[in-house]
Amino acid sequence: MEAELQRIQLELPSVLAKLAALDATMAAIDSAVAPDAAGTVNAWAGKYGQRGAVKACVLAHLQAAGKSGIDVSTLALQVAAALGVDLPTKKDFSLFRRDTVHAVLKRANADGLTEVLVAARGGHTPQVWRWRGPNATPSLAELQELRELADKGG
């Protein structure tokens, strides 16, 4: 969560500069148009339920998959079914997998909650992810470190 907050704070000046440029462009085209005439957009509002529902669902399914993890395509299907998301075409599924499920996994990875177990770029095999947050199965390196510490102590 801290990493996400820092990322947003770093992006804020750039976003505000773009907004000011858009307002200036609108004023140059037609000064009678109020910059806020279009209103605001809440892209997530009601799309997949309450705010945070997708993240919670993705992470819950990832934790349930256990130490062997789960591939992104299967995870996307599980999350879509759990949230009642209709994915009528292959394109809809691909967009949901990439822009929604994979995005949650990447943000959680930046927060140290997930890891890529099997990386597969550009092939027909999807990436396999697993939970690394609290109560996660230790990695082989962590088990080796524990063994070395036990050997030194005993």
N, C-alpha and C. Protein backbone atom coordinates (compact mmCIF):
# COMPACT_ATOMS: atom_id res chain seq x y z
N MET A 1 0.82 -1.19 0.00
CA MET A 1 0.00 0.00 0.00
C MET A 1 0.87 1.26 0.00
N GLU A 2 1.96 1.21 0.77
CA GLU A 2 2.88 2.35 0.81
C GLU A 2 3.52 2.60 -0.55
N ALA A 3 3.88 1.53 -1.23
CA ALA A 3 4.50 1.67 -2.55
C ALA A 3 3.52 2.30 -3.54
N GLU A 4 2.27 1.89 -3.46
CA GLU A 4 1.24 2.45 -4.34
C GLU A 4 1.04 3.94 -4.05
N LEU A 5 1.02 4.31 -2.78
CA LEU A 5 0.87 5.71 -2.39
C LEU A 5 2.03 6.55 -2.90
N GLN A 6 3.24 6.03 -2.77
CA GLN A 6 4.42 6.75 -3.27
C GLN A 6 4.36 6.92 -4.78
N ARG A 7 3.94 5.87 -5.48
CA ARG A 7 3.83 5.94 -6.94
C ARG A 7 2.83 7.02 -7.35
N ILE A 8 1.70 7.06 -6.68
CA ILE A 8 0.67 8.05 -7.00
C ILE A 8 1.17 9.47 -6.69
N GLN A 9 1.85 9.63 -5.57
CA GLN A 9 2.37 10.95 -5.22
C GLN A 9 3.41 11.42 -6.23
N LEU A 10 4.19 10.50 -6.77
CA LEU A 10 5.18 10.88 -7.79
C LEU A 10 4.51 11.27 -9.10
N GLU A 11 3.39 10.62 -9.43
CA GLU A 11 2.68 10.89 -10.68
C GLU A 11 1.83 12.16 -10.61
N LEU A 12 1.44 12.59 -9.42
CA LEU A 12 0.51 13.69 -9.26
C LEU A 12 0.92 14.97 -9.99
N PRO A 13 2.16 15.46 -9.87
CA PRO A 13 2.52 16.69 -10.60
C PRO A 13 2.32 16.58 -12.11
N SER A 14 2.67 15.43 -12.67
CA SER A 14 2.50 15.22 -14.11
C SER A 14 1.02 15.22 -14.50
N VAL A 15 0.20 14.57 -13.71
CA VAL A 15 -1.23 14.53 -13.98
C VAL A 15 -1.84 15.93 -13.88
N LEU A 16 -1.45 16.68 -12.87
CA LEU A 16 -1.97 18.05 -12.71
C LEU A 16 -1.53 18.94 -13.88
N ALA A 17 -0.31 18.75 -14.36
CA ALA A 17 0.17 19.53 -15.50
C ALA A 17 -0.63 19.19 -16.76
N LYS A 18 -0.93 17.91 -16.96
CA LYS A 18 -1.74 17.51 -18.11
C LYS A 18 -3.15 18.07 -18.01
N LEU A 19 -3.71 18.07 -16.81
CA LEU A 19 -5.04 18.62 -16.60
C LEU A 19 -5.06 20.12 -16.92
N ALA A 20 -4.04 20.83 -16.47
CA ALA A 20 -3.97 22.26 -16.75
C ALA A 20 -3.84 22.51 -18.26
N ALA A 21 -3.08 21.67 -18.94
CA ALA A 21 -2.93 21.81 -20.39
C ALA A 21 -4.25 21.54 -21.10
N LEU A 22 -5.00 20.56 -20.65
CA LEU A 22 -6.31 20.28 -21.23
C LEU A 22 -7.28 21.43 -20.99
N ASP A 23 -7.26 21.99 -19.79
CA ASP A 23 -8.12 23.14 -19.49
C ASP A 23 -7.76 24.33 -20.38
N ALA A 24 -6.46 24.56 -20.59
CA ALA A 24 -6.02 25.67 -21.45
C ALA A 24 -6.46 25.43 -22.89
N THR A 25 -6.39 24.19 -23.34
CA THR A 25 -6.82 23.86 -24.70
C THR A 25 -8.31 24.10 -24.85
N MET A 26 -9.09 23.67 -23.87
CA MET A 26 -10.55 23.89 -23.94
C MET A 26 -10.86 25.38 -23.95
N ALA A 27 -10.17 26.15 -23.14
CA ALA A 27 -10.40 27.59 -23.09
C ALA A 27 -10.04 28.24 -24.43
N ALA A 28 -8.98 27.75 -25.09
CA ALA A 28 -8.58 28.31 -26.37
C ALA A 28 -9.60 27.98 -27.46
N ILE A 29 -10.22 26.80 -27.37
CA ILE A 29 -11.20 26.40 -28.38
C ILE A 29 -12.51 27.15 -28.18
N ASP A 30 -12.99 27.19 -26.95
CA ASP A 30 -14.25 27.86 -26.65
C ASP A 30 -14.25 28.26 -25.18
N SER A 31 -14.02 29.52 -24.92
CA SER A 31 -13.92 30.00 -23.55
C SER A 31 -15.23 29.92 -22.79
N ALA A 32 -16.34 29.71 -23.49
CA ALA A 32 -17.64 29.60 -22.82
C ALA A 32 -17.85 28.23 -22.18
N VAL A 33 -17.03 27.26 -22.56
CA VAL A 33 -17.18 25.91 -22.00
C VAL A 33 -16.44 25.83 -20.67
N ALA A 34 -17.18 25.44 -19.64
CA ALA A 34 -16.57 25.29 -18.31
C ALA A 34 -15.70 24.03 -18.31
N PRO A 35 -14.50 24.11 -17.73
CA PRO A 35 -13.60 22.95 -17.72
C PRO A 35 -14.21 21.72 -17.04
N ASP A 36 -15.11 21.94 -16.09
CA ASP A 36 -15.71 20.81 -15.39
C ASP A 36 -17.06 20.39 -15.97
N ALA A 37 -17.37 20.84 -17.17
CA ALA A 37 -18.67 20.56 -17.77
C ALA A 37 -18.91 19.07 -18.00
N ALA A 38 -17.87 18.32 -18.25
CA ALA A 38 -18.02 16.89 -18.51
C ALA A 38 -18.23 16.09 -17.24
N GLY A 39 -17.98 16.67 -16.09
CA GLY A 39 -18.11 15.94 -14.84
C GLY A 39 -16.88 15.10 -14.58
N THR A 40 -17.02 14.17 -13.65
CA THR A 40 -15.89 13.29 -13.32
C THR A 40 -16.24 11.86 -13.70
N VAL A 41 -15.21 11.07 -13.88
CA VAL A 41 -15.39 9.68 -14.25
C VAL A 41 -14.83 8.80 -13.14
N ASN A 42 -15.64 7.88 -12.66
CA ASN A 42 -15.19 6.86 -11.72
C ASN A 42 -15.22 5.54 -12.47
N ALA A 43 -14.11 5.21 -13.11
CA ALA A 43 -14.07 4.04 -13.98
C ALA A 43 -14.42 2.75 -13.27
N TRP A 44 -14.09 2.64 -12.00
CA TRP A 44 -14.33 1.40 -11.27
C TRP A 44 -15.75 1.31 -10.74
N ALA A 45 -16.45 2.43 -10.64
CA ALA A 45 -17.73 2.49 -9.93
C ALA A 45 -18.74 1.47 -10.45
N GLY A 46 -19.00 0.47 -9.65
CA GLY A 46 -20.01 -0.52 -9.97
C GLY A 46 -19.60 -1.54 -11.02
N LYS A 47 -18.43 -1.39 -11.61
CA LYS A 47 -18.03 -2.28 -12.70
C LYS A 47 -17.87 -3.72 -12.22
N TYR A 48 -17.20 -3.90 -11.09
CA TYR A 48 -16.96 -5.25 -10.56
C TYR A 48 -17.39 -5.35 -9.10
N GLY A 49 -18.36 -4.55 -8.71
CA GLY A 49 -18.79 -4.56 -7.31
C GLY A 49 -18.18 -3.39 -6.57
N GLN A 50 -18.05 -3.55 -5.27
CA GLN A 50 -17.51 -2.47 -4.45
C GLN A 50 -16.03 -2.25 -4.73
N ARG A 51 -15.58 -1.05 -4.42
CA ARG A 51 -14.17 -0.73 -4.59
C ARG A 51 -13.31 -1.71 -3.79
N GLY A 52 -12.31 -2.26 -4.42
CA GLY A 52 -11.42 -3.22 -3.78
C GLY A 52 -11.85 -4.67 -3.94
N ALA A 53 -13.03 -4.89 -4.53
CA ALA A 53 -13.54 -6.26 -4.67
C ALA A 53 -12.66 -7.11 -5.57
N VAL A 54 -12.16 -6.55 -6.65
CA VAL A 54 -11.32 -7.32 -7.57
C VAL A 54 -10.02 -7.72 -6.89
N LYS A 55 -9.38 -6.77 -6.24
CA LYS A 55 -8.12 -7.06 -5.55
C LYS A 55 -8.33 -8.15 -4.50
N ALA A 56 -9.35 -8.00 -3.69
CA ALA A 56 -9.62 -8.98 -2.64
C ALA A 56 -9.88 -10.36 -3.24
N CYS A 57 -10.62 -10.41 -4.32
CA CYS A 57 -10.96 -11.67 -4.97
C CYS A 57 -9.71 -12.32 -5.58
N VAL A 58 -8.92 -11.54 -6.29
CA VAL A 58 -7.69 -12.06 -6.91
C VAL A 58 -6.77 -12.63 -5.83
N LEU A 59 -6.55 -11.87 -4.77
CA LEU A 59 -5.62 -12.32 -3.73
C LEU A 59 -6.16 -13.51 -2.96
N ALA A 60 -7.46 -13.57 -2.74
CA ALA A 60 -8.06 -14.72 -2.05
C ALA A 60 -7.89 -15.99 -2.88
N HIS A 61 -8.13 -15.90 -4.19
CA HIS A 61 -7.97 -17.07 -5.05
C HIS A 61 -6.50 -17.47 -5.15
N LEU A 62 -5.61 -16.50 -5.15
CA LEU A 62 -4.19 -16.80 -5.20
C LEU A 62 -3.75 -17.53 -3.93
N GLN A 63 -4.22 -17.05 -2.78
CA GLN A 63 -3.89 -17.71 -1.52
C GLN A 63 -4.45 -19.13 -1.49
N ALA A 64 -5.65 -19.31 -2.00
CA ALA A 64 -6.29 -20.62 -2.01
C ALA A 64 -5.55 -21.61 -2.90
N ALA A 65 -4.83 -21.10 -3.90
CA ALA A 65 -4.09 -21.97 -4.82
C ALA A 65 -2.91 -22.66 -4.14
N GLY A 66 -2.44 -22.09 -3.04
CA GLY A 66 -1.36 -22.71 -2.29
C GLY A 66 0.01 -22.51 -2.89
N LYS A 67 0.95 -23.34 -2.44
CA LYS A 67 2.36 -23.15 -2.81
C LYS A 67 2.64 -23.42 -4.28
N SER A 68 1.79 -24.20 -4.95
CA SER A 68 2.02 -24.48 -6.37
C SER A 68 1.58 -23.32 -7.25
N GLY A 69 0.82 -22.39 -6.70
CA GLY A 69 0.40 -21.21 -7.44
C GLY A 69 -0.72 -21.50 -8.42
N ILE A 70 -0.98 -20.53 -9.28
CA ILE A 70 -2.05 -20.64 -10.27
C ILE A 70 -1.68 -19.79 -11.48
N ASP A 71 -2.03 -20.28 -12.66
CA ASP A 71 -1.70 -19.50 -13.85
C ASP A 71 -2.71 -18.36 -14.01
N VAL A 72 -2.28 -17.31 -14.66
CA VAL A 72 -3.08 -16.09 -14.77
C VAL A 72 -4.41 -16.32 -15.49
N SER A 73 -4.42 -17.17 -16.51
CA SER A 73 -5.66 -17.42 -17.24
C SER A 73 -6.70 -18.11 -16.36
N THR A 74 -6.27 -19.12 -15.63
CA THR A 74 -7.20 -19.81 -14.73
C THR A 74 -7.67 -18.87 -13.63
N LEU A 75 -6.75 -18.09 -13.09
CA LEU A 75 -7.10 -17.12 -12.06
C LEU A 75 -8.12 -16.11 -12.59
N ALA A 76 -7.91 -15.63 -13.80
CA ALA A 76 -8.85 -14.67 -14.40
C ALA A 76 -10.24 -15.28 -14.54
N LEU A 77 -10.31 -16.55 -14.96
CA LEU A 77 -11.61 -17.22 -15.08
C LEU A 77 -12.29 -17.37 -13.73
N GLN A 78 -11.51 -17.73 -12.70
CA GLN A 78 -12.07 -17.87 -11.36
C GLN A 78 -12.59 -16.54 -10.82
N VAL A 79 -11.82 -15.48 -11.01
CA VAL A 79 -12.21 -14.16 -10.52
C VAL A 79 -13.44 -13.66 -11.27
N ALA A 80 -13.46 -13.83 -12.58
CA ALA A 80 -14.62 -13.41 -13.37
C ALA A 80 -15.88 -14.15 -12.91
N ALA A 81 -15.77 -15.45 -12.67
CA ALA A 81 -16.92 -16.23 -12.21
C ALA A 81 -17.37 -15.77 -10.83
N ALA A 82 -16.42 -15.54 -9.93
CA ALA A 82 -16.75 -15.12 -8.57
C ALA A 82 -17.42 -13.75 -8.54
N LEU A 83 -17.00 -12.86 -9.43
CA LEU A 83 -17.55 -11.50 -9.45
C LEU A 83 -18.72 -11.34 -10.42
N GLY A 84 -19.04 -12.39 -11.15
CA GLY A 84 -20.13 -12.32 -12.11
C GLY A 84 -19.82 -11.46 -13.32
N VAL A 85 -18.55 -11.47 -13.73
CA VAL A 85 -18.12 -10.68 -14.88
C VAL A 85 -18.35 -11.49 -16.15
N ASP A 86 -19.06 -10.91 -17.09
CA ASP A 86 -19.35 -11.57 -18.36
C ASP A 86 -18.20 -11.31 -19.33
N LEU A 87 -17.62 -12.36 -19.85
CA LEU A 87 -16.52 -12.26 -20.81
C LEU A 87 -16.91 -13.02 -22.07
N PRO A 88 -17.75 -12.40 -22.91
CA PRO A 88 -18.32 -13.11 -24.06
C PRO A 88 -17.34 -13.42 -25.19
N THR A 89 -16.28 -12.66 -25.31
CA THR A 89 -15.34 -12.90 -26.41
C THR A 89 -13.94 -13.15 -25.88
N LYS A 90 -13.11 -13.70 -26.74
CA LYS A 90 -11.71 -13.92 -26.37
C LYS A 90 -11.02 -12.59 -26.05
N LYS A 91 -11.38 -11.54 -26.79
CA LYS A 91 -10.80 -10.22 -26.54
C LYS A 91 -11.20 -9.71 -25.17
N ASP A 92 -12.48 -9.88 -24.79
CA ASP A 92 -12.94 -9.46 -23.46
C ASP A 92 -12.15 -10.18 -22.37
N PHE A 93 -11.96 -11.49 -22.56
CA PHE A 93 -11.20 -12.28 -21.59
C PHE A 93 -9.76 -11.79 -21.51
N SER A 94 -9.13 -11.58 -22.66
CA SER A 94 -7.73 -11.14 -22.68
C SER A 94 -7.56 -9.79 -22.00
N LEU A 95 -8.48 -8.87 -22.27
CA LEU A 95 -8.40 -7.55 -21.63
C LEU A 95 -8.60 -7.65 -20.13
N PHE A 96 -9.56 -8.47 -19.69
CA PHE A 96 -9.80 -8.64 -18.26
C PHE A 96 -8.57 -9.26 -17.59
N ARG A 97 -8.01 -10.28 -18.23
CA ARG A 97 -6.84 -10.96 -17.67
C ARG A 97 -5.67 -9.99 -17.55
N ARG A 98 -5.41 -9.24 -18.64
CA ARG A 98 -4.25 -8.34 -18.66
C ARG A 98 -4.46 -7.07 -17.84
N ASP A 99 -5.56 -6.39 -18.08
CA ASP A 99 -5.76 -5.06 -17.50
C ASP A 99 -6.31 -5.09 -16.08
N THR A 100 -6.92 -6.19 -15.69
CA THR A 100 -7.51 -6.25 -14.36
C THR A 100 -6.74 -7.22 -13.46
N VAL A 101 -6.76 -8.49 -13.80
CA VAL A 101 -6.14 -9.50 -12.92
C VAL A 101 -4.63 -9.34 -12.88
N HIS A 102 -3.99 -9.25 -14.03
CA HIS A 102 -2.52 -9.13 -14.05
C HIS A 102 -2.08 -7.82 -13.38
N ALA A 103 -2.86 -6.76 -13.55
CA ALA A 103 -2.52 -5.48 -12.91
C ALA A 103 -2.54 -5.61 -11.39
N VAL A 104 -3.52 -6.33 -10.85
CA VAL A 104 -3.59 -6.55 -9.40
C VAL A 104 -2.37 -7.36 -8.95
N LEU A 105 -2.03 -8.39 -9.71
CA LEU A 105 -0.87 -9.22 -9.36
C LEU A 105 0.42 -8.41 -9.35
N LYS A 106 0.60 -7.54 -10.34
CA LYS A 106 1.82 -6.72 -10.41
C LYS A 106 1.90 -5.75 -9.24
N ARG A 107 0.76 -5.11 -8.90
CA ARG A 107 0.77 -4.19 -7.75
C ARG A 107 1.05 -4.95 -6.46
N ALA A 108 0.46 -6.12 -6.31
CA ALA A 108 0.70 -6.92 -5.12
C ALA A 108 2.15 -7.40 -5.07
N ASN A 109 2.73 -7.66 -6.23
CA ASN A 109 4.14 -8.05 -6.30
C ASN A 109 5.03 -6.91 -5.81
N ALA A 110 4.70 -5.69 -6.22
CA ALA A 110 5.48 -4.53 -5.79
C ALA A 110 5.39 -4.35 -4.28
N ASP A 111 4.29 -4.81 -3.69
CA ASP A 111 4.10 -4.72 -2.24
C ASP A 111 4.64 -5.96 -1.51
N GLY A 112 5.25 -6.89 -2.27
CA GLY A 112 5.83 -8.07 -1.67
C GLY A 112 4.83 -9.16 -1.31
N LEU A 113 3.64 -9.10 -1.87
CA LEU A 113 2.60 -10.07 -1.53
C LEU A 113 2.51 -11.25 -2.49
N THR A 114 3.03 -11.09 -3.71
CA THR A 114 2.95 -12.14 -4.71
C THR A 114 4.31 -12.32 -5.37
N GLU A 115 4.45 -13.45 -6.07
CA GLU A 115 5.66 -13.67 -6.85
C GLU A 115 5.31 -14.49 -8.08
N VAL A 116 6.11 -14.33 -9.12
CA VAL A 116 5.96 -15.13 -10.33
C VAL A 116 6.70 -16.44 -10.08
N LEU A 117 5.98 -17.53 -10.13
CA LEU A 117 6.57 -18.84 -9.92
C LEU A 117 7.13 -19.39 -11.23
N VAL A 118 6.37 -19.21 -12.32
CA VAL A 118 6.80 -19.62 -13.65
C VAL A 118 6.58 -18.45 -14.58
N ALA A 119 7.68 -17.88 -15.08
CA ALA A 119 7.59 -16.75 -16.01
C ALA A 119 7.53 -17.30 -17.43
N ALA A 120 6.55 -16.83 -18.19
CA ALA A 120 6.41 -17.26 -19.58
C ALA A 120 6.02 -16.05 -20.41
N ARG A 121 6.95 -15.53 -21.13
CA ARG A 121 6.70 -14.34 -21.94
C ARG A 121 6.56 -14.72 -23.41
N GLY A 122 5.50 -14.25 -24.04
CA GLY A 122 5.34 -14.42 -25.46
C GLY A 122 5.00 -15.82 -25.93
N GLY A 123 4.90 -16.76 -25.01
CA GLY A 123 4.59 -18.12 -25.40
C GLY A 123 3.12 -18.44 -25.18
N HIS A 124 2.81 -19.71 -25.27
CA HIS A 124 1.44 -20.14 -25.09
C HIS A 124 1.17 -20.57 -23.65
N THR A 125 2.21 -20.59 -22.83
CA THR A 125 2.05 -20.96 -21.43
C THR A 125 1.92 -19.70 -20.59
N PRO A 126 0.80 -19.54 -19.87
CA PRO A 126 0.64 -18.33 -19.06
C PRO A 126 1.53 -18.34 -17.82
N GLN A 127 1.79 -17.17 -17.30
CA GLN A 127 2.58 -17.05 -16.08
C GLN A 127 1.86 -17.73 -14.93
N VAL A 128 2.64 -18.30 -14.03
CA VAL A 128 2.10 -18.88 -12.81
C VAL A 128 2.55 -18.00 -11.65
N TRP A 129 1.59 -17.57 -10.85
CA TRP A 129 1.85 -16.71 -9.70
C TRP A 129 1.50 -17.45 -8.43
N ARG A 130 2.10 -17.03 -7.32
CA ARG A 130 1.70 -17.55 -6.02
C ARG A 130 1.79 -16.46 -4.96
N TRP A 131 1.11 -16.74 -3.87
CA TRP A 131 1.03 -15.83 -2.73
C TRP A 131 2.33 -15.83 -1.97
N ARG A 132 2.81 -14.63 -1.60
CA ARG A 132 4.04 -14.49 -0.81
C ARG A 132 3.80 -13.67 0.45
N GLY A 133 2.57 -13.30 0.70
CA GLY A 133 2.25 -12.48 1.87
C GLY A 133 2.28 -13.29 3.15
N PRO A 134 1.60 -12.80 4.18
CA PRO A 134 1.55 -13.52 5.45
C PRO A 134 1.06 -14.96 5.26
N ASN A 135 1.66 -15.86 6.00
CA ASN A 135 1.32 -17.29 5.97
C ASN A 135 1.68 -17.97 4.65
N ALA A 136 2.61 -17.40 3.92
CA ALA A 136 3.02 -17.99 2.64
C ALA A 136 3.99 -19.15 2.88
N THR A 137 4.03 -20.05 1.93
CA THR A 137 4.98 -21.15 1.97
C THR A 137 6.38 -20.57 1.73
N PRO A 138 7.36 -20.92 2.55
CA PRO A 138 8.70 -20.36 2.34
C PRO A 138 9.33 -20.86 1.04
N SER A 139 10.17 -20.00 0.46
CA SER A 139 10.87 -20.39 -0.77
C SER A 139 12.00 -21.35 -0.43
N LEU A 140 12.57 -21.99 -1.44
CA LEU A 140 13.69 -22.90 -1.24
C LEU A 140 14.87 -22.17 -0.61
N ALA A 141 15.14 -20.94 -1.07
CA ALA A 141 16.24 -20.15 -0.51
C ALA A 141 16.01 -19.87 0.98
N GLU A 142 14.77 -19.56 1.34
CA GLU A 142 14.46 -19.30 2.75
C GLU A 142 14.64 -20.56 3.59
N LEU A 143 14.23 -21.72 3.05
CA LEU A 143 14.41 -22.97 3.77
C LEU A 143 15.89 -23.31 3.95
N GLN A 144 16.69 -23.02 2.90
CA GLN A 144 18.13 -23.27 3.01
C GLN A 144 18.77 -22.37 4.07
N GLU A 145 18.33 -21.10 4.13
CA GLU A 145 18.83 -20.19 5.15
C GLU A 145 18.48 -20.68 6.54
N LEU A 146 17.25 -21.15 6.72
CA LEU A 146 16.84 -21.67 8.01
C LEU A 146 17.67 -22.90 8.39
N ARG A 147 17.96 -23.74 7.42
CA ARG A 147 18.77 -24.94 7.68
C ARG A 147 20.18 -24.54 8.09
N GLU A 148 20.76 -23.56 7.39
CA GLU A 148 22.11 -23.10 7.72
C GLU A 148 22.15 -22.50 9.12
N LEU A 149 21.13 -21.72 9.47
CA LEU A 149 21.06 -21.15 10.81
C LEU A 149 20.93 -22.24 11.87
N ALA A 150 20.14 -23.25 11.59
CA ALA A 150 19.97 -24.37 12.54
C ALA A 150 21.27 -25.15 12.71
N ASP A 151 21.99 -25.33 11.57
CA ASP A 151 23.25 -26.06 11.63
C ASP A 151 24.30 -25.31 12.45
N LYS A 152 24.31 -23.98 12.34
CA LYS A 152 25.27 -23.15 13.09
C LYS A 152 24.92 -23.13 14.57
N GLY A 153 23.65 -23.14 14.86
CA GLY A 153 23.21 -23.04 16.25
C GLY A 153 23.25 -24.36 17.00
N GLY A 154 23.20 -25.49 16.31
CA GLY A 154 23.07 -26.76 17.01
C GLY A 154 24.19 -27.60 16.87
